[in-house]
Amino acid sequence: MSTIILFNKPYGVLCQFTDKQGRPTLADHIDVDKVYAAGRLDMDSEGLVVLTDDGRLQRKITHPDNKMEKTYWVQLENRISDDALRALSEGIDLKDGRTKPARAKRIDEPAALWPRQPPIRQRKHIPTSWIALTITEGRNRQVRRMTAGVGFPTLRLIRYRVGSWTIDGIASGDYVMFHTQP
């Protein structure tokens, strides 16, 4: 039996179980032994983190050769242009190489969105927009670097989906756990 946990990580929580500096970690929310995050989210990102005790499943989720899709809801500074969406979809050049093609589309602010603490910085005279961005890579801060690379900095980043798993029905800071056959 494999244990799988779908955790909706809040802003400000580290994707690890311990921290010598006393910052919030997964241990503040999850009291299950011997599970490990299959991929990470930065402290300033929110949303789905998959944890498991199954090493093969962890590799399937994280290894780039498997091309497991991850979808992010991204709030951007300003209204994103069609050209920027096209560039994100085709792949853009970052310092560590060109990104693989992605799927990028405008979306309305997600209906199931929870308030972020602290709230994002928002400038009175600069609008924001939301996109759904689906990638198959997992480079360090990739989504933030991609949106900045096309001229639209990320204000809020929420991982909505990993493979077929989503955060639907999971409140920020909560998780669901289930068991599967390996």
C-alpha atoms as a PDB file:
ATOM      1  CA  MET A   1       0.000   0.000   0.000  1.00  0.00           C
ATOM      2  CA  SER A   2       1.199   3.480  -0.888  1.00  0.00           C
ATOM      3  CA  THR A   3       0.164   6.495   1.139  1.00  0.00           C
ATOM      4  CA  ILE A   4      -0.650   9.640  -0.833  1.00  0.00           C
ATOM      5  CA  ILE A   5      -1.362  13.008   0.749  1.00  0.00           C
ATOM      6  CA  LEU A   6      -2.704  15.979  -1.190  1.00  0.00           C
ATOM      7  CA  PHE A   7      -1.846  19.093   0.813  1.00  0.00           C
ATOM      8  CA  ASN A   8      -2.989  22.632   0.008  1.00  0.00           C
ATOM      9  CA  LYS A   9       0.119  24.471   1.182  1.00  0.00           C
ATOM     10  CA  PRO A  10      -0.459  27.978   2.543  1.00  0.00           C
ATOM     11  CA  TYR A  11       1.768  30.936   1.771  1.00  0.00           C
ATOM     12  CA  GLY A  12       4.806  31.082   4.060  1.00  0.00           C
ATOM     13  CA  VAL A  13       5.129  27.334   4.720  1.00  0.00           C
ATOM     14  CA  LEU A  14       8.363  25.541   3.803  1.00  0.00           C
ATOM     15  CA  CYS A  15       8.090  22.298   1.805  1.00  0.00           C
ATOM     16  CA  GLN A  16      10.084  20.344   4.381  1.00  0.00           C
ATOM     17  CA  PHE A  17       9.377  18.913   7.817  1.00  0.00           C
ATOM     18  CA  THR A  18      12.069  20.698   9.826  1.00  0.00           C
ATOM     19  CA  ASP A  19      13.629  24.151   9.879  1.00  0.00           C
ATOM     20  CA  LYS A  20      16.420  25.291  12.175  1.00  0.00           C
ATOM     21  CA  GLN A  21      15.161  28.871  11.903  1.00  0.00           C
ATOM     22  CA  GLY A  22      11.743  27.971  13.314  1.00  0.00           C
ATOM     23  CA  ARG A  23       9.750  28.896  10.210  1.00  0.00           C
ATOM     24  CA  PRO A  24       6.437  27.112   9.483  1.00  0.00           C
ATOM     25  CA  THR A  25       6.921  23.710   7.832  1.00  0.00           C
ATOM     26  CA  LEU A  26       4.885  20.745   6.627  1.00  0.00           C
ATOM     27  CA  ALA A  27       5.112  19.333  10.182  1.00  0.00           C
ATOM     28  CA  ASP A  28       2.856  22.159  11.375  1.00  0.00           C
ATOM     29  CA  HIS A  29       0.072  20.751   9.176  1.00  0.00           C
ATOM     30  CA  ILE A  30       0.784  17.058   8.534  1.00  0.00           C
ATOM     31  CA  ASP A  31       1.311  14.503  11.310  1.00  0.00           C
ATOM     32  CA  VAL A  32       1.936  11.434   9.156  1.00  0.00           C
ATOM     33  CA  ASP A  33       5.240   9.564   9.442  1.00  0.00           C
ATOM     34  CA  LYS A  34       7.538   8.622   6.570  1.00  0.00           C
ATOM     35  CA  VAL A  35       5.935  10.656   3.795  1.00  0.00           C
ATOM     36  CA  TYR A  36       7.962  13.027   1.661  1.00  0.00           C
ATOM     37  CA  ALA A  37       7.078  15.819  -0.743  1.00  0.00           C
ATOM     38  CA  ALA A  38       7.153  14.782  -4.392  1.00  0.00           C
ATOM     39  CA  GLY A  39       8.360  18.140  -5.652  1.00  0.00           C
ATOM     40  CA  ARG A  40       8.499  21.429  -3.846  1.00  0.00           C
ATOM     41  CA  LEU A  41       6.773  24.771  -3.786  1.00  0.00           C
ATOM     42  CA  ASP A  42       8.636  27.886  -2.718  1.00  0.00           C
ATOM     43  CA  MET A  43       7.761  29.414   0.622  1.00  0.00           C
ATOM     44  CA  ASP A  44       5.957  32.252  -1.184  1.00  0.00           C
ATOM     45  CA  SER A  45       3.904  29.928  -3.404  1.00  0.00           C
ATOM     46  CA  GLU A  46       0.681  28.183  -2.445  1.00  0.00           C
ATOM     47  CA  GLY A  47      -1.320  25.168  -3.478  1.00  0.00           C
ATOM     48  CA  LEU A  48      -0.975  21.485  -4.159  1.00  0.00           C
ATOM     49  CA  VAL A  49       1.910  19.511  -2.722  1.00  0.00           C
ATOM     50  CA  VAL A  50       1.769  15.748  -3.189  1.00  0.00           C
ATOM     51  CA  LEU A  51       3.428  13.713  -0.440  1.00  0.00           C
ATOM     52  CA  THR A  52       3.970   9.967  -0.501  1.00  0.00           C
ATOM     53  CA  ASP A  53       5.872   7.131   1.114  1.00  0.00           C
ATOM     54  CA  ASP A  54       6.325   5.453  -2.302  1.00  0.00           C
ATOM     55  CA  GLY A  55       9.721   6.213  -3.856  1.00  0.00           C
ATOM     56  CA  ARG A  56       8.664   5.036  -7.334  1.00  0.00           C
ATOM     57  CA  LEU A  57       5.626   7.301  -7.300  1.00  0.00           C
ATOM     58  CA  GLN A  58       7.736  10.187  -6.032  1.00  0.00           C
ATOM     59  CA  ARG A  59      10.130   9.683  -8.966  1.00  0.00           C
ATOM     60  CA  LYS A  60       7.235   9.429 -11.436  1.00  0.00           C
ATOM     61  CA  ILE A  61       5.908  12.790 -10.218  1.00  0.00           C
ATOM     62  CA  THR A  62       9.216  14.645 -10.090  1.00  0.00           C
ATOM     63  CA  HIS A  63      11.455  13.264 -12.835  1.00  0.00           C
ATOM     64  CA  PRO A  64      11.424  15.457 -15.971  1.00  0.00           C
ATOM     65  CA  ASP A  65      11.490  12.403 -18.271  1.00  0.00           C
ATOM     66  CA  ASN A  66       7.947  11.572 -17.135  1.00  0.00           C
ATOM     67  CA  LYS A  67       6.590  14.982 -18.225  1.00  0.00           C
ATOM     68  CA  MET A  68       3.884  15.009 -15.555  1.00  0.00           C
ATOM     69  CA  GLU A  69       1.764  18.102 -16.060  1.00  0.00           C
ATOM     70  CA  LYS A  70       1.447  20.727 -13.367  1.00  0.00           C
ATOM     71  CA  THR A  71      -1.086  23.548 -13.665  1.00  0.00           C
ATOM     72  CA  TYR A  72      -0.652  26.833 -11.862  1.00  0.00           C
ATOM     73  CA  TRP A  73      -3.067  29.692 -11.286  1.00  0.00           C
ATOM     74  CA  VAL A  74      -0.967  32.817 -11.635  1.00  0.00           C
ATOM     75  CA  GLN A  75      -1.964  36.361 -10.743  1.00  0.00           C
ATOM     76  CA  LEU A  76       0.084  38.790 -12.789  1.00  0.00           C
ATOM     77  CA  GLU A  77       0.845  42.445 -12.571  1.00  0.00           C
ATOM     78  CA  ASN A  78      -1.035  44.172 -15.406  1.00  0.00           C
ATOM     79  CA  ARG A  79      -3.229  42.652 -18.130  1.00  0.00           C
ATOM     80  CA  ILE A  80      -1.305  39.970 -19.973  1.00  0.00           C
ATOM     81  CA  SER A  81      -1.018  40.420 -23.732  1.00  0.00           C
ATOM     82  CA  ASP A  82      -1.752  37.861 -26.434  1.00  0.00           C
ATOM     83  CA  ASP A  83       1.921  38.023 -27.456  1.00  0.00           C
ATOM     84  CA  ALA A  84       3.043  37.156 -23.916  1.00  0.00           C
ATOM     85  CA  LEU A  85       0.598  34.214 -23.747  1.00  0.00           C
ATOM     86  CA  ARG A  86       1.900  32.969 -27.095  1.00  0.00           C
ATOM     87  CA  ALA A  87       5.514  33.267 -25.909  1.00  0.00           C
ATOM     88  CA  LEU A  88       4.737  31.315 -22.721  1.00  0.00           C
ATOM     89  CA  SER A  89       3.053  28.625 -24.830  1.00  0.00           C
ATOM     90  CA  GLU A  90       5.958  28.308 -27.244  1.00  0.00           C
ATOM     91  CA  GLY A  91       8.665  28.324 -24.562  1.00  0.00           C
ATOM     92  CA  ILE A  92      10.959  31.151 -23.575  1.00  0.00           C
ATOM     93  CA  ASP A  93      14.685  31.528 -22.996  1.00  0.00           C
ATOM     94  CA  LEU A  94      15.758  31.593 -19.361  1.00  0.00           C
ATOM     95  CA  LYS A  95      19.298  31.737 -17.979  1.00  0.00           C
ATOM     96  CA  ASP A  96      19.268  27.933 -17.581  1.00  0.00           C
ATOM     97  CA  GLY A  97      17.968  27.277 -21.105  1.00  0.00           C
ATOM     98  CA  ARG A  98      14.774  27.361 -23.108  1.00  0.00           C
ATOM     99  CA  THR A  99      11.585  26.159 -21.427  1.00  0.00           C
ATOM    100  CA  LYS A 100       9.525  23.442 -23.024  1.00  0.00           C
ATOM    101  CA  PRO A 101       6.257  24.484 -24.650  1.00  0.00           C
ATOM    102  CA  ALA A 102       3.494  25.099 -22.113  1.00  0.00           C
ATOM    103  CA  ARG A 103      -0.216  25.815 -22.156  1.00  0.00           C
ATOM    104  CA  ALA A 104      -1.111  29.352 -21.131  1.00  0.00           C
ATOM    105  CA  LYS A 105      -4.562  30.901 -21.108  1.00  0.00           C
ATOM    106  CA  ARG A 106      -6.337  33.792 -19.467  1.00  0.00           C
ATOM    107  CA  ILE A 107      -8.751  32.866 -16.701  1.00  0.00           C
ATOM    108  CA  ASP A 108     -11.048  34.704 -14.356  1.00  0.00           C
ATOM    109  CA  GLU A 109      -9.934  34.940 -10.753  1.00  0.00           C
ATOM    110  CA  PRO A 110     -10.583  31.405  -9.420  1.00  0.00           C
ATOM    111  CA  ALA A 111     -13.935  31.206  -7.627  1.00  0.00           C
ATOM    112  CA  ALA A 112     -12.626  28.914  -4.877  1.00  0.00           C
ATOM    113  CA  LEU A 113      -9.755  31.251  -4.006  1.00  0.00           C
ATOM    114  CA  TRP A 114      -8.988  31.794  -0.326  1.00  0.00           C
ATOM    115  CA  PRO A 115      -7.585  35.050   1.072  1.00  0.00           C
ATOM    116  CA  ARG A 116      -3.798  35.102   1.224  1.00  0.00           C
ATOM    117  CA  GLN A 117      -2.073  36.170   4.418  1.00  0.00           C
ATOM    118  CA  PRO A 118      -0.413  38.556   4.027  1.00  0.00           C
ATOM    119  CA  PRO A 119      -2.360  39.944   1.061  1.00  0.00           C
ATOM    120  CA  ILE A 120      -0.450  40.497  -2.182  1.00  0.00           C
ATOM    121  CA  ARG A 121       0.907  43.940  -2.856  1.00  0.00           C
ATOM    122  CA  GLN A 122      -1.441  45.621  -5.241  1.00  0.00           C
ATOM    123  CA  ARG A 123      -0.931  49.008  -6.800  1.00  0.00           C
ATOM    124  CA  LYS A 124      -3.978  51.199  -7.053  1.00  0.00           C
ATOM    125  CA  HIS A 125      -3.505  52.210 -10.699  1.00  0.00           C
ATOM    126  CA  ILE A 126      -2.064  48.972 -12.115  1.00  0.00           C
ATOM    127  CA  PRO A 127      -4.554  46.206 -12.940  1.00  0.00           C
ATOM    128  CA  THR A 128      -3.873  42.514 -12.466  1.00  0.00           C
ATOM    129  CA  SER A 129      -4.831  39.463 -14.505  1.00  0.00           C
ATOM    130  CA  TRP A 130      -4.960  35.712 -13.989  1.00  0.00           C
ATOM    131  CA  ILE A 131      -3.675  32.907 -16.183  1.00  0.00           C
ATOM    132  CA  ALA A 132      -3.620  29.129 -15.973  1.00  0.00           C
ATOM    133  CA  LEU A 133      -0.149  27.898 -16.918  1.00  0.00           C
ATOM    134  CA  THR A 134       0.484  24.177 -17.466  1.00  0.00           C
ATOM    135  CA  ILE A 135       4.089  22.996 -17.618  1.00  0.00           C
ATOM    136  CA  THR A 136       5.845  19.632 -17.667  1.00  0.00           C
ATOM    137  CA  GLU A 137       9.119  20.800 -16.139  1.00  0.00           C
ATOM    138  CA  GLY A 138       9.906  21.821 -12.589  1.00  0.00           C
ATOM    139  CA  ARG A 139      12.865  24.161 -12.639  1.00  0.00           C
ATOM    140  CA  ASN A 140      13.586  26.381  -9.660  1.00  0.00           C
ATOM    141  CA  ARG A 141      11.062  29.262  -9.609  1.00  0.00           C
ATOM    142  CA  GLN A 142      10.258  28.462 -13.233  1.00  0.00           C
ATOM    143  CA  VAL A 143       6.766  29.957 -13.442  1.00  0.00           C
ATOM    144  CA  ARG A 144       7.867  33.209 -11.809  1.00  0.00           C
ATOM    145  CA  ARG A 145      10.865  33.457 -14.131  1.00  0.00           C
ATOM    146  CA  MET A 146       8.718  32.702 -17.187  1.00  0.00           C
ATOM    147  CA  THR A 147       6.116  35.371 -16.448  1.00  0.00           C
ATOM    148  CA  ALA A 148       8.807  37.937 -15.596  1.00  0.00           C
ATOM    149  CA  GLY A 149      10.576  36.972 -18.824  1.00  0.00           C
ATOM    150  CA  VAL A 150       7.555  38.037 -20.869  1.00  0.00           C
ATOM    151  CA  GLY A 151       7.146  41.270 -18.889  1.00  0.00           C
ATOM    152  CA  PHE A 152       4.375  40.303 -16.454  1.00  0.00           C
ATOM    153  CA  PRO A 153       5.680  39.674 -12.928  1.00  0.00           C
ATOM    154  CA  THR A 154       3.903  37.093 -10.782  1.00  0.00           C
ATOM    155  CA  LEU A 155       2.056  38.496  -7.786  1.00  0.00           C
ATOM    156  CA  ARG A 156       0.481  35.275  -6.538  1.00  0.00           C
ATOM    157  CA  LEU A 157       1.265  31.692  -7.522  1.00  0.00           C
ATOM    158  CA  ILE A 158      -0.972  28.722  -6.719  1.00  0.00           C
ATOM    159  CA  ARG A 159      -0.297  25.185  -7.930  1.00  0.00           C
ATOM    160  CA  TYR A 160      -3.739  23.895  -8.794  1.00  0.00           C
ATOM    161  CA  ARG A 161      -2.958  20.486 -10.314  1.00  0.00           C
ATOM    162  CA  VAL A 162      -0.277  17.775 -10.419  1.00  0.00           C
ATOM    163  CA  GLY A 163      -1.134  15.029 -12.900  1.00  0.00           C
ATOM    164  CA  SER A 164      -4.780  14.169 -12.204  1.00  0.00           C
ATOM    165  CA  TRP A 165      -4.755  15.468  -8.604  1.00  0.00           C
ATOM    166  CA  THR A 166      -6.097  18.945  -7.778  1.00  0.00           C
ATOM    167  CA  ILE A 167      -6.747  21.115  -4.734  1.00  0.00           C
ATOM    168  CA  ASP A 168     -10.484  21.047  -5.408  1.00  0.00           C
ATOM    169  CA  GLY A 169     -12.275  20.740  -2.064  1.00  0.00           C
ATOM    170  CA  ILE A 170      -9.097  21.074   0.028  1.00  0.00           C
ATOM    171  CA  ALA A 171      -8.942  24.254   2.118  1.00  0.00           C
ATOM    172  CA  SER A 172      -5.650  26.088   2.468  1.00  0.00           C
ATOM    173  CA  GLY A 173      -3.648  24.365   5.223  1.00  0.00           C
ATOM    174  CA  ASP A 174      -5.656  21.114   4.987  1.00  0.00           C
ATOM    175  CA  TYR A 175      -4.933  17.791   3.339  1.00  0.00           C
ATOM    176  CA  VAL A 176      -6.605  14.593   2.233  1.00  0.00           C
ATOM    177  CA  MET A 177      -4.924  11.222   2.553  1.00  0.00           C
ATOM    178  CA  PHE A 178      -5.630   7.969   0.753  1.00  0.00           C
ATOM    179  CA  HIS A 179      -3.936   4.655   0.060  1.00  0.00           C
ATOM    180  CA  THR A 180      -3.361   2.929  -3.274  1.00  0.00           C
ATOM    181  CA  GLN A 181      -1.825  -0.273  -4.489  1.00  0.00           C
ATOM    182  CA  PRO A 182       1.729   0.296  -5.783  1.00  0.00           C
END
